[in-house]
């Protein structure tokens, strides 16, 4: 008897960790739908993923901070592919900044991007997953939640809220075969890391190279992570093998986080 292909909807799938996660899910046999705001970038990324993985990769443009757009993406993914079995809630990081430097508009914008948008998609997807008896939801957060970094205040505060929300969601449909977990990346070789280090260089007058070396020196593994390593962790949590892993945070940071 053939096993039905499961469909994964991946936020921020055009670049960075989202793109790498889409690739890992495609390699593990999922049908993948990447989403984000820019249709041109998504179309190009989907084509690249099909070429590199040989997988079944599609795209849908939408803005998760807009309720109408988010619902359209969720509904269209189900209409085209029959179900959304895996939901990867990944959003680009907000601008760096210290806690008292951030104005109200920046808080509101980041709140919609990091918390309201992902919760909106989860609210649409989880009951349907439960009705089918299988679902995997993975929030991509940050190790800054466990070891706060002063110049990443938006990420620290709001991704802490996301982590708490994921813990609550993990209880809702666990008996129906649905799990909800977080993956918390540490330093990862993406455009986002370059943005953070560039902002630190501008704020401190130090060179990018010095800050890069200092950042890597804080990682026992001695390097920044590869986005594919984060993607592989998400793909693991998306698998049927993790049916008893629920409500946890899986840290992927080369050993940098110091808390037990």
C-alpha atoms as a PDB file:
ATOM      1  CA  UNK A   1       0.000   0.000   0.000  1.00  0.00           C
ATOM      2  CA  UNK A   2       1.471   3.367  -1.006  1.00  0.00           C
ATOM      3  CA  UNK A   3       2.009   5.972   1.668  1.00  0.00           C
ATOM      4  CA  UNK A   4       0.419   9.319   0.850  1.00  0.00           C
ATOM      5  CA  UNK A   5       2.860  12.173   0.325  1.00  0.00           C
ATOM      6  CA  UNK A   6       2.604  14.742   3.092  1.00  0.00           C
ATOM      7  CA  UNK A   7       2.524  18.440   2.314  1.00  0.00           C
ATOM      8  CA  UNK A   8       4.701  20.942   4.188  1.00  0.00           C
ATOM      9  CA  UNK A   9       4.017  24.677   4.164  1.00  0.00           C
ATOM     10  CA  UNK A  10       7.212  26.604   4.945  1.00  0.00           C
ATOM     11  CA  UNK A  11       7.261  30.284   5.851  1.00  0.00           C
ATOM     12  CA  UNK A  12      10.096  32.475   4.624  1.00  0.00           C
ATOM     13  CA  UNK A  13      11.036  29.767   2.162  1.00  0.00           C
ATOM     14  CA  UNK A  14      12.761  31.953  -0.427  1.00  0.00           C
ATOM     15  CA  UNK A  15      15.961  32.527   1.567  1.00  0.00           C
ATOM     16  CA  UNK A  16      18.020  31.537   4.577  1.00  0.00           C
ATOM     17  CA  UNK A  17      16.823  28.968   7.084  1.00  0.00           C
ATOM     18  CA  UNK A  18      13.364  28.736   5.510  1.00  0.00           C
ATOM     19  CA  UNK A  19      14.865  27.915   2.118  1.00  0.00           C
ATOM     20  CA  UNK A  20      17.227  25.339   3.604  1.00  0.00           C
ATOM     21  CA  UNK A  21      14.360  23.787   5.562  1.00  0.00           C
ATOM     22  CA  UNK A  22      12.280  23.498   2.408  1.00  0.00           C
ATOM     23  CA  UNK A  23      15.180  21.701   0.773  1.00  0.00           C
ATOM     24  CA  UNK A  24      15.551  19.226   3.623  1.00  0.00           C
ATOM     25  CA  UNK A  25      11.822  18.513   3.668  1.00  0.00           C
ATOM     26  CA  UNK A  26      11.834  17.942  -0.098  1.00  0.00           C
ATOM     27  CA  UNK A  27      14.770  15.537   0.252  1.00  0.00           C
ATOM     28  CA  UNK A  28      12.860  13.614   2.929  1.00  0.00           C
ATOM     29  CA  UNK A  29       9.953  13.063   0.551  1.00  0.00           C
ATOM     30  CA  UNK A  30       7.535  15.862   1.401  1.00  0.00           C
ATOM     31  CA  UNK A  31       5.640  17.923  -1.099  1.00  0.00           C
ATOM     32  CA  UNK A  32       6.774  21.431  -0.181  1.00  0.00           C
ATOM     33  CA  UNK A  33       5.003  24.771  -0.547  1.00  0.00           C
ATOM     34  CA  UNK A  34       7.164  27.787   0.254  1.00  0.00           C
ATOM     35  CA  UNK A  35       5.562  31.092   1.121  1.00  0.00           C
ATOM     36  CA  UNK A  36       6.618  34.681   1.685  1.00  0.00           C
ATOM     37  CA  UNK A  37       5.871  38.171   0.446  1.00  0.00           C
ATOM     38  CA  UNK A  38       7.846  38.335  -2.820  1.00  0.00           C
ATOM     39  CA  UNK A  39       6.455  36.298  -5.698  1.00  0.00           C
ATOM     40  CA  UNK A  40       9.570  36.700  -7.853  1.00  0.00           C
ATOM     41  CA  UNK A  41      11.908  35.452  -5.147  1.00  0.00           C
ATOM     42  CA  UNK A  42       9.602  32.542  -4.311  1.00  0.00           C
ATOM     43  CA  UNK A  43       9.259  31.461  -7.926  1.00  0.00           C
ATOM     44  CA  UNK A  44      13.030  31.472  -8.391  1.00  0.00           C
ATOM     45  CA  UNK A  45      13.620  29.674  -5.082  1.00  0.00           C
ATOM     46  CA  UNK A  46      11.063  26.973  -5.856  1.00  0.00           C
ATOM     47  CA  UNK A  47      12.661  26.339  -9.232  1.00  0.00           C
ATOM     48  CA  UNK A  48      16.075  26.100  -7.613  1.00  0.00           C
ATOM     49  CA  UNK A  49      14.816  23.662  -4.990  1.00  0.00           C
ATOM     50  CA  UNK A  50      13.204  21.443  -7.600  1.00  0.00           C
ATOM     51  CA  UNK A  51      16.486  21.354  -9.501  1.00  0.00           C
ATOM     52  CA  UNK A  52      18.670  20.674  -6.446  1.00  0.00           C
ATOM     53  CA  UNK A  53      16.444  18.140  -4.685  1.00  0.00           C
ATOM     54  CA  UNK A  54      14.367  16.578  -7.440  1.00  0.00           C
ATOM     55  CA  UNK A  55      11.412  17.200  -5.144  1.00  0.00           C
ATOM     56  CA  UNK A  56       7.869  18.437  -5.599  1.00  0.00           C
ATOM     57  CA  UNK A  57       8.191  22.114  -4.657  1.00  0.00           C
ATOM     58  CA  UNK A  58       5.582  24.864  -5.123  1.00  0.00           C
ATOM     59  CA  UNK A  59       5.128  28.450  -3.944  1.00  0.00           C
ATOM     60  CA  UNK A  60       2.396  30.798  -2.746  1.00  0.00           C
ATOM     61  CA  UNK A  61       2.934  34.507  -2.143  1.00  0.00           C
ATOM     62  CA  UNK A  62       1.271  36.040   0.892  1.00  0.00           C
ATOM     63  CA  UNK A  63       1.734  38.352   3.840  1.00  0.00           C
ATOM     64  CA  UNK A  64       1.226  36.553   7.151  1.00  0.00           C
ATOM     65  CA  UNK A  65       0.746  39.867   8.940  1.00  0.00           C
ATOM     66  CA  UNK A  66      -2.433  40.393   6.890  1.00  0.00           C
ATOM     67  CA  UNK A  67      -5.342  38.173   8.055  1.00  0.00           C
ATOM     68  CA  UNK A  68      -6.909  37.979   4.593  1.00  0.00           C
ATOM     69  CA  UNK A  69      -3.631  37.088   2.910  1.00  0.00           C
ATOM     70  CA  UNK A  70      -2.726  34.487   5.541  1.00  0.00           C
ATOM     71  CA  UNK A  71      -6.096  32.774   5.202  1.00  0.00           C
ATOM     72  CA  UNK A  72      -5.741  32.793   1.414  1.00  0.00           C
ATOM     73  CA  UNK A  73      -2.383  31.025   1.625  1.00  0.00           C
ATOM     74  CA  UNK A  74      -3.691  28.381   4.043  1.00  0.00           C
ATOM     75  CA  UNK A  75      -6.837  27.758   2.008  1.00  0.00           C
ATOM     76  CA  UNK A  76      -5.040  27.687  -1.334  1.00  0.00           C
ATOM     77  CA  UNK A  77      -2.412  25.254  -0.074  1.00  0.00           C
ATOM     78  CA  UNK A  78      -5.164  22.894   1.077  1.00  0.00           C
ATOM     79  CA  UNK A  79      -7.179  23.333  -2.113  1.00  0.00           C
ATOM     80  CA  UNK A  80      -4.229  22.563  -4.361  1.00  0.00           C
ATOM     81  CA  UNK A  81      -2.651  19.768  -2.364  1.00  0.00           C
ATOM     82  CA  UNK A  82      -5.420  18.299  -0.230  1.00  0.00           C
ATOM     83  CA  UNK A  83      -3.923  19.052   3.167  1.00  0.00           C
ATOM     84  CA  UNK A  84      -1.208  20.860   5.071  1.00  0.00           C
ATOM     85  CA  UNK A  85       0.389  18.184   7.234  1.00  0.00           C
ATOM     86  CA  UNK A  86       3.537  20.047   8.287  1.00  0.00           C
ATOM     87  CA  UNK A  87       3.596  23.744   9.117  1.00  0.00           C
ATOM     88  CA  UNK A  88       6.959  25.483   9.532  1.00  0.00           C
ATOM     89  CA  UNK A  89       6.434  28.893  11.090  1.00  0.00           C
ATOM     90  CA  UNK A  90       9.541  30.793  10.139  1.00  0.00           C
ATOM     91  CA  UNK A  91       9.783  34.556   9.703  1.00  0.00           C
ATOM     92  CA  UNK A  92      12.700  36.813   8.926  1.00  0.00           C
ATOM     93  CA  UNK A  93      14.299  38.436  11.919  1.00  0.00           C
ATOM     94  CA  UNK A  94      13.337  41.995  12.916  1.00  0.00           C
ATOM     95  CA  UNK A  95      15.929  44.790  12.894  1.00  0.00           C
ATOM     96  CA  UNK A  96      18.589  44.704  15.620  1.00  0.00           C
ATOM     97  CA  UNK A  97      18.198  47.186  18.460  1.00  0.00           C
ATOM     98  CA  UNK A  98      18.432  47.546  22.232  1.00  0.00           C
ATOM     99  CA  UNK A  99      15.293  47.452  24.347  1.00  0.00           C
ATOM    100  CA  UNK A 100      14.905  51.239  24.909  1.00  0.00           C
ATOM    101  CA  UNK A 101      15.917  52.189  21.369  1.00  0.00           C
ATOM    102  CA  UNK A 102      12.893  50.532  19.777  1.00  0.00           C
ATOM    103  CA  UNK A 103       9.852  52.709  19.122  1.00  0.00           C
ATOM    104  CA  UNK A 104       6.180  51.762  19.210  1.00  0.00           C
ATOM    105  CA  UNK A 105       5.893  51.268  15.467  1.00  0.00           C
ATOM    106  CA  UNK A 106       8.815  48.848  15.433  1.00  0.00           C
ATOM    107  CA  UNK A 107       7.252  46.856  18.272  1.00  0.00           C
ATOM    108  CA  UNK A 108       3.919  46.706  16.448  1.00  0.00           C
ATOM    109  CA  UNK A 109       5.524  45.640  13.179  1.00  0.00           C
ATOM    110  CA  UNK A 110       7.622  42.920  14.799  1.00  0.00           C
ATOM    111  CA  UNK A 111       4.627  41.762  16.871  1.00  0.00           C
ATOM    112  CA  UNK A 112       2.668  41.120  13.677  1.00  0.00           C
ATOM    113  CA  UNK A 113       5.591  39.409  11.964  1.00  0.00           C
ATOM    114  CA  UNK A 114       6.862  37.171  14.752  1.00  0.00           C
ATOM    115  CA  UNK A 115       3.803  36.399  16.878  1.00  0.00           C
ATOM    116  CA  UNK A 116       0.422  37.282  15.379  1.00  0.00           C
ATOM    117  CA  UNK A 117       1.242  36.030  11.877  1.00  0.00           C
ATOM    118  CA  UNK A 118       2.468  32.579  12.960  1.00  0.00           C
ATOM    119  CA  UNK A 119      -0.395  32.182  15.441  1.00  0.00           C
ATOM    120  CA  UNK A 120      -2.844  33.088  12.686  1.00  0.00           C
ATOM    121  CA  UNK A 121      -1.578  30.246  10.495  1.00  0.00           C
ATOM    122  CA  UNK A 122      -1.491  27.840  13.429  1.00  0.00           C
ATOM    123  CA  UNK A 123      -5.108  28.687  14.256  1.00  0.00           C
ATOM    124  CA  UNK A 124      -6.103  27.845  10.689  1.00  0.00           C
ATOM    125  CA  UNK A 125      -4.047  24.660  10.393  1.00  0.00           C
ATOM    126  CA  UNK A 126      -4.085  22.815  13.715  1.00  0.00           C
ATOM    127  CA  UNK A 127      -7.781  21.851  13.924  1.00  0.00           C
ATOM    128  CA  UNK A 128      -7.598  20.420  10.404  1.00  0.00           C
ATOM    129  CA  UNK A 129      -4.481  18.444  11.263  1.00  0.00           C
ATOM    130  CA  UNK A 130      -6.231  17.047  14.318  1.00  0.00           C
ATOM    131  CA  UNK A 131      -9.250  16.028  12.246  1.00  0.00           C
ATOM    132  CA  UNK A 132      -6.925  14.028   9.955  1.00  0.00           C
ATOM    133  CA  UNK A 133      -5.029  12.469  12.864  1.00  0.00           C
ATOM    134  CA  UNK A 134      -1.579  13.792  11.963  1.00  0.00           C
ATOM    135  CA  UNK A 135       0.205  17.125  12.128  1.00  0.00           C
ATOM    136  CA  UNK A 136       3.577  18.663  12.777  1.00  0.00           C
ATOM    137  CA  UNK A 137       4.019  22.339  13.647  1.00  0.00           C
ATOM    138  CA  UNK A 138       7.516  23.745  14.087  1.00  0.00           C
ATOM    139  CA  UNK A 139       8.243  27.326  15.142  1.00  0.00           C
ATOM    140  CA  UNK A 140      11.713  28.570  14.187  1.00  0.00           C
ATOM    141  CA  UNK A 141      12.831  30.877  17.003  1.00  0.00           C
ATOM    142  CA  UNK A 142      16.310  31.710  18.300  1.00  0.00           C
ATOM    143  CA  UNK A 143      18.740  30.805  21.064  1.00  0.00           C
ATOM    144  CA  UNK A 144      18.439  34.470  22.072  1.00  0.00           C
ATOM    145  CA  UNK A 145      15.275  33.326  23.876  1.00  0.00           C
ATOM    146  CA  UNK A 146      17.395  31.237  26.267  1.00  0.00           C
ATOM    147  CA  UNK A 147      20.496  33.442  26.313  1.00  0.00           C
ATOM    148  CA  UNK A 148      19.312  36.990  25.582  1.00  0.00           C
ATOM    149  CA  UNK A 149      21.472  39.281  23.481  1.00  0.00           C
ATOM    150  CA  UNK A 150      20.992  42.982  24.339  1.00  0.00           C
ATOM    151  CA  UNK A 151      21.034  44.244  20.752  1.00  0.00           C
ATOM    152  CA  UNK A 152      18.371  41.756  19.616  1.00  0.00           C
ATOM    153  CA  UNK A 153      15.606  42.998  21.898  1.00  0.00           C
ATOM    154  CA  UNK A 154      12.726  42.551  19.442  1.00  0.00           C
ATOM    155  CA  UNK A 155      13.708  38.964  18.768  1.00  0.00           C
ATOM    156  CA  UNK A 156      14.332  38.157  22.436  1.00  0.00           C
ATOM    157  CA  UNK A 157      11.031  39.534  23.707  1.00  0.00           C
ATOM    158  CA  UNK A 158       8.722  38.390  20.937  1.00  0.00           C
ATOM    159  CA  UNK A 159      10.283  35.003  20.307  1.00  0.00           C
ATOM    160  CA  UNK A 160      10.022  34.350  24.029  1.00  0.00           C
ATOM    161  CA  UNK A 161       6.289  34.934  23.591  1.00  0.00           C
ATOM    162  CA  UNK A 162       6.277  32.605  20.576  1.00  0.00           C
ATOM    163  CA  UNK A 163       7.959  29.905  22.664  1.00  0.00           C
ATOM    164  CA  UNK A 164       5.306  30.254  25.354  1.00  0.00           C
ATOM    165  CA  UNK A 165       2.549  30.118  22.721  1.00  0.00           C
ATOM    166  CA  UNK A 166       4.038  26.955  21.230  1.00  0.00           C
ATOM    167  CA  UNK A 167       4.048  25.331  24.647  1.00  0.00           C
ATOM    168  CA  UNK A 168       0.344  26.081  25.050  1.00  0.00           C
ATOM    169  CA  UNK A 169      -0.460  24.886  21.532  1.00  0.00           C
ATOM    170  CA  UNK A 170       1.387  21.615  22.179  1.00  0.00           C
ATOM    171  CA  UNK A 171      -1.356  20.639  24.640  1.00  0.00           C
ATOM    172  CA  UNK A 172      -4.306  21.359  22.386  1.00  0.00           C
ATOM    173  CA  UNK A 173      -4.295  18.440  19.935  1.00  0.00           C
ATOM    174  CA  UNK A 174      -1.548  16.111  21.180  1.00  0.00           C
ATOM    175  CA  UNK A 175      -4.023  13.255  21.614  1.00  0.00           C
ATOM    176  CA  UNK A 176      -4.985  13.656  17.939  1.00  0.00           C
ATOM    177  CA  UNK A 177      -1.495  13.058  16.559  1.00  0.00           C
ATOM    178  CA  UNK A 178      -0.431  16.698  16.325  1.00  0.00           C
ATOM    179  CA  UNK A 179       2.852  17.907  17.794  1.00  0.00           C
ATOM    180  CA  UNK A 180       4.097  21.472  18.252  1.00  0.00           C
ATOM    181  CA  UNK A 181       7.758  22.213  18.868  1.00  0.00           C
ATOM    182  CA  UNK A 182      10.366  24.952  18.473  1.00  0.00           C
ATOM    183  CA  UNK A 183      13.772  24.883  16.826  1.00  0.00           C
ATOM    184  CA  UNK A 184      16.097  27.546  18.226  1.00  0.00           C
ATOM    185  CA  UNK A 185      19.076  28.246  15.947  1.00  0.00           C
ATOM    186  CA  UNK A 186      22.263  29.849  17.152  1.00  0.00           C
ATOM    187  CA  UNK A 187      24.729  31.674  14.866  1.00  0.00           C
ATOM    188  CA  UNK A 188      23.894  30.529  11.347  1.00  0.00           C
ATOM    189  CA  UNK A 189      25.521  31.560   8.077  1.00  0.00           C
ATOM    190  CA  UNK A 190      22.631  33.555   6.628  1.00  0.00           C
ATOM    191  CA  UNK A 191      21.981  37.094   5.464  1.00  0.00           C
ATOM    192  CA  UNK A 192      20.351  37.721   8.838  1.00  0.00           C
ATOM    193  CA  UNK A 193      23.631  37.017  10.660  1.00  0.00           C
ATOM    194  CA  UNK A 194      25.450  39.377   8.309  1.00  0.00           C
ATOM    195  CA  UNK A 195      22.874  42.073   9.084  1.00  0.00           C
ATOM    196  CA  UNK A 196      23.344  41.646  12.832  1.00  0.00           C
ATOM    197  CA  UNK A 197      27.138  41.760  12.663  1.00  0.00           C
ATOM    198  CA  UNK A 198      27.070  44.751  10.325  1.00  0.00           C
ATOM    199  CA  UNK A 199      24.799  46.630  12.760  1.00  0.00           C
ATOM    200  CA  UNK A 200      27.121  45.778  15.656  1.00  0.00           C
ATOM    201  CA  UNK A 201      30.115  46.995  13.680  1.00  0.00           C
ATOM    202  CA  UNK A 202      28.389  50.312  12.972  1.00  0.00           C
ATOM    203  CA  UNK A 203      27.329  50.721  16.620  1.00  0.00           C
ATOM    204  CA  UNK A 204      30.724  49.906  18.152  1.00  0.00           C
ATOM    205  CA  UNK A 205      33.204  51.163  15.557  1.00  0.00           C
ATOM    206  CA  UNK A 206      34.766  47.715  15.349  1.00  0.00           C
ATOM    207  CA  UNK A 207      35.381  45.805  12.131  1.00  0.00           C
ATOM    208  CA  UNK A 208      33.021  43.199  10.771  1.00  0.00           C
ATOM    209  CA  UNK A 209      35.878  40.680  10.631  1.00  0.00           C
ATOM    210  CA  UNK A 210      36.662  41.121  14.336  1.00  0.00           C
ATOM    211  CA  UNK A 211      33.028  40.702  15.342  1.00  0.00           C
ATOM    212  CA  UNK A 212      32.655  37.676  13.088  1.00  0.00           C
ATOM    213  CA  UNK A 213      35.689  36.024  14.670  1.00  0.00           C
ATOM    214  CA  UNK A 214      34.484  36.899  18.175  1.00  0.00           C
ATOM    215  CA  UNK A 215      31.052  35.441  17.457  1.00  0.00           C
ATOM    216  CA  UNK A 216      32.483  32.180  16.145  1.00  0.00           C
ATOM    217  CA  UNK A 217      34.911  31.961  19.072  1.00  0.00           C
ATOM    218  CA  UNK A 218      31.908  31.772  21.416  1.00  0.00           C
ATOM    219  CA  UNK A 219      30.726  28.570  19.718  1.00  0.00           C
ATOM    220  CA  UNK A 220      32.346  25.338  20.971  1.00  0.00           C
ATOM    221  CA  UNK A 221      31.958  23.863  17.479  1.00  0.00           C
ATOM    222  CA  UNK A 222      34.189  26.703  16.239  1.00  0.00           C
ATOM    223  CA  UNK A 223      31.969  27.884  13.389  1.00  0.00           C
ATOM    224  CA  UNK A 224      28.609  29.286  12.415  1.00  0.00           C
ATOM    225  CA  UNK A 225      25.959  26.753  11.521  1.00  0.00           C
ATOM    226  CA  UNK A 226      24.959  25.790   8.019  1.00  0.00           C
ATOM    227  CA  UNK A 227      21.283  26.615   7.310  1.00  0.00           C
ATOM    228  CA  UNK A 228      20.868  23.022   6.111  1.00  0.00           C
ATOM    229  CA  UNK A 229      21.709  21.844   9.642  1.00  0.00           C
ATOM    230  CA  UNK A 230      18.769  23.828  10.982  1.00  0.00           C
ATOM    231  CA  UNK A 231      16.592  22.518   8.160  1.00  0.00           C
ATOM    232  CA  UNK A 232      17.529  18.931   8.944  1.00  0.00           C
ATOM    233  CA  UNK A 233      16.443  19.444  12.550  1.00  0.00           C
ATOM    234  CA  UNK A 234      13.090  20.809  11.427  1.00  0.00           C
ATOM    235  CA  UNK A 235      12.700  17.862   9.041  1.00  0.00           C
ATOM    236  CA  UNK A 236      13.376  15.491  11.933  1.00  0.00           C
ATOM    237  CA  UNK A 237      10.622  17.087  14.010  1.00  0.00           C
ATOM    238  CA  UNK A 238       8.321  16.917  10.970  1.00  0.00           C
ATOM    239  CA  UNK A 239       8.733  13.167  10.653  1.00  0.00           C
ATOM    240  CA  UNK A 240       6.432  10.415  11.859  1.00  0.00           C
ATOM    241  CA  UNK A 241       9.278   9.207  14.106  1.00  0.00           C
ATOM    242  CA  UNK A 242       8.826  12.177  16.466  1.00  0.00           C
ATOM    243  CA  UNK A 243       5.245  11.462  17.509  1.00  0.00           C
ATOM    244  CA  UNK A 244       6.233  11.615  21.208  1.00  0.00           C
ATOM    245  CA  UNK A 245       8.329  14.786  20.947  1.00  0.00           C
ATOM    246  CA  UNK A 246       5.965  17.595  21.822  1.00  0.00           C
ATOM    247  CA  UNK A 247       6.145  21.000  23.460  1.00  0.00           C
ATOM    248  CA  UNK A 248       9.922  21.231  23.495  1.00  0.00           C
ATOM    249  CA  UNK A 249      12.644  23.570  22.230  1.00  0.00           C
ATOM    250  CA  UNK A 250      15.422  21.949  20.243  1.00  0.00           C
ATOM    251  CA  UNK A 251      18.531  24.143  20.360  1.00  0.00           C
ATOM    252  CA  UNK A 252      20.853  23.980  17.344  1.00  0.00           C
ATOM    253  CA  UNK A 253      23.826  26.205  18.115  1.00  0.00           C
ATOM    254  CA  UNK A 254      27.041  24.174  18.191  1.00  0.00           C
ATOM    255  CA  UNK A 255      26.939  24.148  22.003  1.00  0.00           C
ATOM    256  CA  UNK A 256      27.033  27.916  22.580  1.00  0.00           C
ATOM    257  CA  UNK A 257      24.022  28.266  24.880  1.00  0.00           C
ATOM    258  CA  UNK A 258      25.334  27.981  28.429  1.00  0.00           C
ATOM    259  CA  UNK A 259      22.144  27.151  30.289  1.00  0.00           C
ATOM    260  CA  UNK A 260      21.373  23.537  31.143  1.00  0.00           C
END
